[in-house]
Structures are given as structure tokens and as C-alpha cells.
Amino acid sequence: MDELIKLKNENSGQGAAEYILLFGGVIVIAIAALYIYNAYFKNSSSGLNASSDVQKVRDVMNYSKIP
């Protein structure tokens, strides 16, 4: 009977469980943000095109190296 009372009053795993829930919530929020911003960046009217922008930067960097 004493062992059941000790088990009931045990709190050593509570902190770990709270951290797991906290990190799980952060991960869910991050995935939701990525989903929302992914749709935003794919929108052609926004003018944000990562592959085109990266190529433009590379072209400018290569052009400035030519003597």
C-alpha cells in the first residue's frame, strides 16, 4: 500500500512531459507557418520567386567578377 502512495505522489516525470508538450506545440505552429508562407511564396502576383531571384543574384555576382 505504501508503494501505491509513493507512486501517486511521484512528480519526477512531470517536467519532461511538459517539455514534450511545449516542443510539440512549437512544432505544430512552425509547420502551420510553413504551410501558410509556402502558399504565399507560390503566389505569382506577389513577385516573390526564389529560384529567379537567386539566379539574378548569381548573375550580378558573376558579372561583377569579370574584369
PDB file of N, CA and C in Angstrom:
ATOM      1  N   MET A   1       0.820  -1.190   0.000  1.00  0.00           N
ATOM      2  CA  MET A   1       0.000   0.000   0.000  1.00  0.00           C
ATOM      3  C   MET A   1       0.869   1.261   0.000  1.00  0.00           C
ATOM      4  N   ASP A   2       1.980   1.232   0.706  1.00  0.00           N
ATOM      5  CA  ASP A   2       2.882   2.381   0.738  1.00  0.00           C
ATOM      6  C   ASP A   2       3.454   2.670  -0.647  1.00  0.00           C
ATOM      7  N   GLU A   3       3.672   1.622  -1.423  1.00  0.00           N
ATOM      8  CA  GLU A   3       4.227   1.809  -2.768  1.00  0.00           C
ATOM      9  C   GLU A   3       3.244   2.547  -3.670  1.00  0.00           C
ATOM     10  N   LEU A   4       1.956   2.283  -3.529  1.00  0.00           N
ATOM     11  CA  LEU A   4       0.956   2.988  -4.325  1.00  0.00           C
ATOM     12  C   LEU A   4       0.885   4.461  -3.950  1.00  0.00           C
ATOM     13  N   ILE A   5       1.028   4.764  -2.677  1.00  0.00           N
ATOM     14  CA  ILE A   5       1.017   6.161  -2.228  1.00  0.00           C
ATOM     15  C   ILE A   5       2.247   6.889  -2.763  1.00  0.00           C
ATOM     16  N   LYS A   6       3.409   6.216  -2.743  1.00  0.00           N
ATOM     17  CA  LYS A   6       4.630   6.823  -3.281  1.00  0.00           C
ATOM     18  C   LYS A   6       4.501   7.059  -4.780  1.00  0.00           C
ATOM     19  N   LEU A   7       3.887   6.095  -5.485  1.00  0.00           N
ATOM     20  CA  LEU A   7       3.707   6.224  -6.927  1.00  0.00           C
ATOM     21  C   LEU A   7       2.745   7.362  -7.256  1.00  0.00           C
ATOM     22  N   LYS A   8       1.711   7.527  -6.445  1.00  0.00           N
ATOM     23  CA  LYS A   8       0.740   8.597  -6.654  1.00  0.00           C
ATOM     24  C   LYS A   8       1.382   9.970  -6.460  1.00  0.00           C
ATOM     25  N   ASN A   9       2.302  10.084  -5.532  1.00  0.00           N
ATOM     26  CA  ASN A   9       2.942  11.364  -5.225  1.00  0.00           C
ATOM     27  C   ASN A   9       4.191  11.622  -6.063  1.00  0.00           C
ATOM     28  N   GLU A  10       4.505  10.729  -6.968  1.00  0.00           N
ATOM     29  CA  GLU A  10       5.715  10.867  -7.799  1.00  0.00           C
ATOM     30  C   GLU A  10       5.506  11.965  -8.841  1.00  0.00           C
ATOM     31  N   ASN A  11       6.412  12.920  -8.903  1.00  0.00           N
ATOM     32  CA  ASN A  11       6.316  14.033  -9.844  1.00  0.00           C
ATOM     33  C   ASN A  11       7.563  14.180 -10.715  1.00  0.00           C
ATOM     34  N   SER A  12       8.452  13.224 -10.722  1.00  0.00           N
ATOM     35  CA  SER A  12       9.725  13.400 -11.421  1.00  0.00           C
ATOM     36  C   SER A  12       9.564  13.441 -12.937  1.00  0.00           C
ATOM     37  N   GLY A  13       8.566  12.816 -13.510  1.00  0.00           N
ATOM     38  CA  GLY A  13       8.378  12.824 -14.960  1.00  0.00           C
ATOM     39  C   GLY A  13       7.520  13.960 -15.464  1.00  0.00           C
ATOM     40  N   GLN A  14       6.989  14.754 -14.577  1.00  0.00           N
ATOM     41  CA  GLN A  14       6.082  15.824 -14.976  1.00  0.00           C
ATOM     42  C   GLN A  14       6.798  16.887 -15.805  1.00  0.00           C
ATOM     43  N   GLY A  15       7.998  17.259 -15.424  1.00  0.00           N
ATOM     44  CA  GLY A  15       8.743  18.280 -16.164  1.00  0.00           C
ATOM     45  C   GLY A  15       9.050  17.836 -17.578  1.00  0.00           C
ATOM     46  N   ALA A  16       9.445  16.583 -17.737  1.00  0.00           N
ATOM     47  CA  ALA A  16       9.749  16.064 -19.074  1.00  0.00           C
ATOM     48  C   ALA A  16       8.497  16.055 -19.941  1.00  0.00           C
ATOM     49  N   ALA A  17       7.378  15.668 -19.372  1.00  0.00           N
ATOM     50  CA  ALA A  17       6.128  15.651 -20.135  1.00  0.00           C
ATOM     51  C   ALA A  17       5.731  17.063 -20.559  1.00  0.00           C
ATOM     52  N   GLU A  18       5.955  18.034 -19.700  1.00  0.00           N
ATOM     53  CA  GLU A  18       5.625  19.417 -20.053  1.00  0.00           C
ATOM     54  C   GLU A  18       6.520  19.922 -21.177  1.00  0.00           C
ATOM     55  N   TYR A  19       7.798  19.572 -21.157  1.00  0.00           N
ATOM     56  CA  TYR A  19       8.693  19.964 -22.246  1.00  0.00           C
ATOM     57  C   TYR A  19       8.287  19.309 -23.555  1.00  0.00           C
ATOM     58  N   ILE A  20       7.885  18.065 -23.508  1.00  0.00           N
ATOM     59  CA  ILE A  20       7.451  17.369 -24.727  1.00  0.00           C
ATOM     60  C   ILE A  20       6.221  18.060 -25.309  1.00  0.00           C
ATOM     61  N   LEU A  21       5.270  18.416 -24.457  1.00  0.00           N
ATOM     62  CA  LEU A  21       4.085  19.123 -24.934  1.00  0.00           C
ATOM     63  C   LEU A  21       4.435  20.500 -25.485  1.00  0.00           C
ATOM     64  N   LEU A  22       5.355  21.192 -24.846  1.00  0.00           N
ATOM     65  CA  LEU A  22       5.776  22.514 -25.302  1.00  0.00           C
ATOM     66  C   LEU A  22       6.426  22.425 -26.680  1.00  0.00           C
ATOM     67  N   PHE A  23       7.379  21.511 -26.835  1.00  0.00           N
ATOM     68  CA  PHE A  23       8.052  21.365 -28.127  1.00  0.00           C
ATOM     69  C   PHE A  23       7.092  20.876 -29.200  1.00  0.00           C
ATOM     70  N   GLY A  24       6.152  20.025 -28.830  1.00  0.00           N
ATOM     71  CA  GLY A  24       5.147  19.581 -29.789  1.00  0.00           C
ATOM     72  C   GLY A  24       4.306  20.746 -30.288  1.00  0.00           C
ATOM     73  N   GLY A  25       3.927  21.634 -29.378  1.00  0.00           N
ATOM     74  CA  GLY A  25       3.164  22.814 -29.781  1.00  0.00           C
ATOM     75  C   GLY A  25       3.957  23.730 -30.687  1.00  0.00           C
ATOM     76  N   VAL A  26       5.232  23.913 -30.385  1.00  0.00           N
ATOM     77  CA  VAL A  26       6.091  24.753 -31.231  1.00  0.00           C
ATOM     78  C   VAL A  26       6.222  24.145 -32.619  1.00  0.00           C
ATOM     79  N   ILE A  27       6.363  22.840 -32.690  1.00  0.00           N
ATOM     80  CA  ILE A  27       6.495  22.168 -33.991  1.00  0.00           C
ATOM     81  C   ILE A  27       5.210  22.320 -34.798  1.00  0.00           C
ATOM     82  N   VAL A  28       4.068  22.181 -34.156  1.00  0.00           N
ATOM     83  CA  VAL A  28       2.791  22.343 -34.860  1.00  0.00           C
ATOM     84  C   VAL A  28       2.653  23.761 -35.395  1.00  0.00           C
ATOM     85  N   ILE A  29       3.023  24.748 -34.604  1.00  0.00           N
ATOM     86  CA  ILE A  29       2.942  26.140 -35.053  1.00  0.00           C
ATOM     87  C   ILE A  29       3.912  26.390 -36.207  1.00  0.00           C
ATOM     88  N   ALA A  30       5.106  25.828 -36.135  1.00  0.00           N
ATOM     89  CA  ALA A  30       6.090  26.007 -37.212  1.00  0.00           C
ATOM     90  C   ALA A  30       5.600  25.376 -38.513  1.00  0.00           C
ATOM     91  N   ILE A  31       5.020  24.196 -38.429  1.00  0.00           N
ATOM     92  CA  ILE A  31       4.510  23.539 -39.636  1.00  0.00           C
ATOM     93  C   ILE A  31       3.363  24.343 -40.228  1.00  0.00           C
ATOM     94  N   ALA A  32       2.485  24.865 -39.377  1.00  0.00           N
ATOM     95  CA  ALA A  32       1.383  25.692 -39.868  1.00  0.00           C
ATOM     96  C   ALA A  32       1.914  26.962 -40.544  1.00  0.00           C
ATOM     97  N   ALA A  33       2.929  27.584 -39.959  1.00  0.00           N
ATOM     98  CA  ALA A  33       3.516  28.792 -40.558  1.00  0.00           C
ATOM     99  C   ALA A  33       4.160  28.475 -41.899  1.00  0.00           C
ATOM    100  N   LEU A  34       4.863  27.359 -41.980  1.00  0.00           N
ATOM    101  CA  LEU A  34       5.472  26.967 -43.259  1.00  0.00           C
ATOM    102  C   LEU A  34       4.413  26.715 -44.315  1.00  0.00           C
ATOM    103  N   TYR A  35       3.322  26.088 -43.923  1.00  0.00           N
ATOM    104  CA  TYR A  35       2.235  25.835 -44.863  1.00  0.00           C
ATOM    105  C   TYR A  35       1.636  27.145 -45.371  1.00  0.00           C
ATOM    106  N   ILE A  36       1.415  28.090 -44.472  1.00  0.00           N
ATOM    107  CA  ILE A  36       0.831  29.372 -44.858  1.00  0.00           C
ATOM    108  C   ILE A  36       1.793  30.152 -45.756  1.00  0.00           C
ATOM    109  N   TYR A  37       3.060  30.228 -45.362  1.00  0.00           N
ATOM    110  CA  TYR A  37       4.020  31.001 -46.149  1.00  0.00           C
ATOM    111  C   TYR A  37       4.378  30.321 -47.453  1.00  0.00           C
ATOM    112  N   ASN A  38       4.273  28.995 -47.514  1.00  0.00           N
ATOM    113  CA  ASN A  38       4.516  28.291 -48.768  1.00  0.00           C
ATOM    114  C   ASN A  38       3.494  28.719 -49.803  1.00  0.00           C
ATOM    115  N   ALA A  39       2.239  28.801 -49.414  1.00  0.00           N
ATOM    116  CA  ALA A  39       1.202  29.265 -50.330  1.00  0.00           C
ATOM    117  C   ALA A  39       1.439  30.729 -50.709  1.00  0.00           C
ATOM    118  N   TYR A  40       1.935  31.523 -49.791  1.00  0.00           N
ATOM    119  CA  TYR A  40       2.203  32.937 -50.061  1.00  0.00           C
ATOM    120  C   TYR A  40       3.323  33.097 -51.081  1.00  0.00           C
ATOM    121  N   PHE A  41       4.382  32.335 -50.935  1.00  0.00           N
ATOM    122  CA  PHE A  41       5.520  32.468 -51.844  1.00  0.00           C
ATOM    123  C   PHE A  41       5.226  31.895 -53.222  1.00  0.00           C
ATOM    124  N   LYS A  42       4.320  30.951 -53.318  1.00  0.00           N
ATOM    125  CA  LYS A  42       3.976  30.386 -54.624  1.00  0.00           C
ATOM    126  C   LYS A  42       3.045  31.292 -55.410  1.00  0.00           C
ATOM    127  N   ASN A  43       2.467  32.267 -54.759  1.00  0.00           N
ATOM    128  CA  ASN A  43       1.548  33.181 -55.416  1.00  0.00           C
ATOM    129  C   ASN A  43       2.334  34.037 -56.406  1.00  0.00           C
ATOM    130  N   SER A  44       2.010  33.943 -57.670  1.00  0.00           N
ATOM    131  CA  SER A  44       2.776  34.656 -58.694  1.00  0.00           C
ATOM    132  C   SER A  44       2.558  36.167 -58.635  1.00  0.00           C
ATOM    133  N   SER A  45       1.449  36.623 -58.069  1.00  0.00           N
ATOM    134  CA  SER A  45       1.191  38.058 -58.016  1.00  0.00           C
ATOM    135  C   SER A  45       2.041  38.766 -56.958  1.00  0.00           C
ATOM    136  N   SER A  46       2.645  37.998 -56.054  1.00  0.00           N
ATOM    137  CA  SER A  46       3.441  38.622 -55.003  1.00  0.00           C
ATOM    138  C   SER A  46       4.816  39.056 -55.492  1.00  0.00           C
ATOM    139  N   GLY A  47       5.256  38.516 -56.624  1.00  0.00           N
ATOM    140  CA  GLY A  47       6.548  38.888 -57.158  1.00  0.00           C
ATOM    141  C   GLY A  47       7.713  38.201 -56.470  1.00  0.00           C
ATOM    142  N   LEU A  48       7.423  37.250 -55.610  1.00  0.00           N
ATOM    143  CA  LEU A  48       8.483  36.531 -54.919  1.00  0.00           C
ATOM    144  C   LEU A  48       8.700  35.190 -55.608  1.00  0.00           C
ATOM    145  N   ASN A  49       9.821  35.055 -56.258  1.00  0.00           N
ATOM    146  CA  ASN A  49      10.156  33.811 -56.933  1.00  0.00           C
ATOM    147  C   ASN A  49      11.594  33.487 -56.555  1.00  0.00           C
ATOM    148  N   ALA A  50      11.769  32.571 -55.640  1.00  0.00           N
ATOM    149  CA  ALA A  50      13.087  32.309 -55.067  1.00  0.00           C
ATOM    150  C   ALA A  50      14.095  31.869 -56.115  1.00  0.00           C
ATOM    151  N   SER A  51      13.721  30.963 -57.001  1.00  0.00           N
ATOM    152  CA  SER A  51      14.685  30.469 -57.980  1.00  0.00           C
ATOM    153  C   SER A  51      15.117  31.567 -58.943  1.00  0.00           C
ATOM    154  N   SER A  52      14.185  32.404 -59.356  1.00  0.00           N
ATOM    155  CA  SER A  52      14.516  33.518 -60.238  1.00  0.00           C
ATOM    156  C   SER A  52      15.384  34.545 -59.523  1.00  0.00           C
ATOM    157  N   ASP A  53      15.053  34.839 -58.276  1.00  0.00           N
ATOM    158  CA  ASP A  53      15.820  35.821 -57.507  1.00  0.00           C
ATOM    159  C   ASP A  53      17.244  35.344 -57.254  1.00  0.00           C
ATOM    160  N   VAL A  54      17.402  34.061 -56.944  1.00  0.00           N
ATOM    161  CA  VAL A  54      18.739  33.521 -56.705  1.00  0.00           C
ATOM    162  C   VAL A  54      19.561  33.589 -57.990  1.00  0.00           C
ATOM    163  N   GLN A  55      18.935  33.279 -59.119  1.00  0.00           N
ATOM    164  CA  GLN A  55      19.659  33.337 -60.394  1.00  0.00           C
ATOM    165  C   GLN A  55      20.073  34.770 -60.710  1.00  0.00           C
ATOM    166  N   LYS A  56      19.227  35.735 -60.413  1.00  0.00           N
ATOM    167  CA  LYS A  56      19.580  37.140 -60.646  1.00  0.00           C
ATOM    168  C   LYS A  56      20.773  37.556 -59.789  1.00  0.00           C
ATOM    169  N   VAL A  57      20.804  37.126 -58.548  1.00  0.00           N
ATOM    170  CA  VAL A  57      21.926  37.454 -57.671  1.00  0.00           C
ATOM    171  C   VAL A  57      23.199  36.804 -58.191  1.00  0.00           C
ATOM    172  N   ARG A  58      23.108  35.564 -58.616  1.00  0.00           N
ATOM    173  CA  ARG A  58      24.288  34.888 -59.174  1.00  0.00           C
ATOM    174  C   ARG A  58      24.792  35.596 -60.426  1.00  0.00           C
ATOM    175  N   ASP A  59      23.863  36.027 -61.277  1.00  0.00           N
ATOM    176  CA  ASP A  59      24.270  36.736 -62.495  1.00  0.00           C
ATOM    177  C   ASP A  59      24.986  38.040 -62.155  1.00  0.00           C
ATOM    178  N   VAL A  60      24.472  38.770 -61.181  1.00  0.00           N
ATOM    179  CA  VAL A  60      25.104  40.025 -60.781  1.00  0.00           C
ATOM    180  C   VAL A  60      26.487  39.758 -60.183  1.00  0.00           C
ATOM    181  N   MET A  61      26.604  38.729 -59.368  1.00  0.00           N
ATOM    182  CA  MET A  61      27.901  38.415 -58.757  1.00  0.00           C
ATOM    183  C   MET A  61      28.906  37.969 -59.805  1.00  0.00           C
ATOM    184  N   ASN A  62      28.484  37.183 -60.755  1.00  0.00           N
ATOM    185  CA  ASN A  62      29.386  36.748 -61.823  1.00  0.00           C
ATOM    186  C   ASN A  62      29.760  37.901 -62.747  1.00  0.00           C
ATOM    187  N   TYR A  63      28.835  38.814 -63.008  1.00  0.00           N
ATOM    188  CA  TYR A  63      29.114  39.959 -63.852  1.00  0.00           C
ATOM    189  C   TYR A  63      30.144  40.892 -63.218  1.00  0.00           C
ATOM    190  N   SER A  64      30.061  41.060 -61.904  1.00  0.00           N
ATOM    191  CA  SER A  64      30.984  41.977 -61.222  1.00  0.00           C
ATOM    192  C   SER A  64      32.381  41.406 -61.142  1.00  0.00           C
ATOM    193  N   LYS A  65      32.562  40.101 -61.319  1.00  0.00           N
ATOM    194  CA  LYS A  65      33.895  39.486 -61.270  1.00  0.00           C
ATOM    195  C   LYS A  65      34.634  39.592 -62.589  1.00  0.00           C
ATOM    196  N   ILE A  66      33.910  39.877 -63.666  1.00  0.00           N
ATOM    197  CA  ILE A  66      34.551  39.966 -64.975  1.00  0.00           C
ATOM    198  C   ILE A  66      35.328  41.279 -65.031  1.00  0.00           C
ATOM    199  N   PRO A  67      36.639  41.215 -65.402  1.00  0.00           N
ATOM    200  CA  PRO A  67      37.452  42.444 -65.438  1.00  0.00           C
ATOM    201  C   PRO A  67      37.107  43.373 -66.569  1.00  0.00           C
TER     202      PRO A  67
END
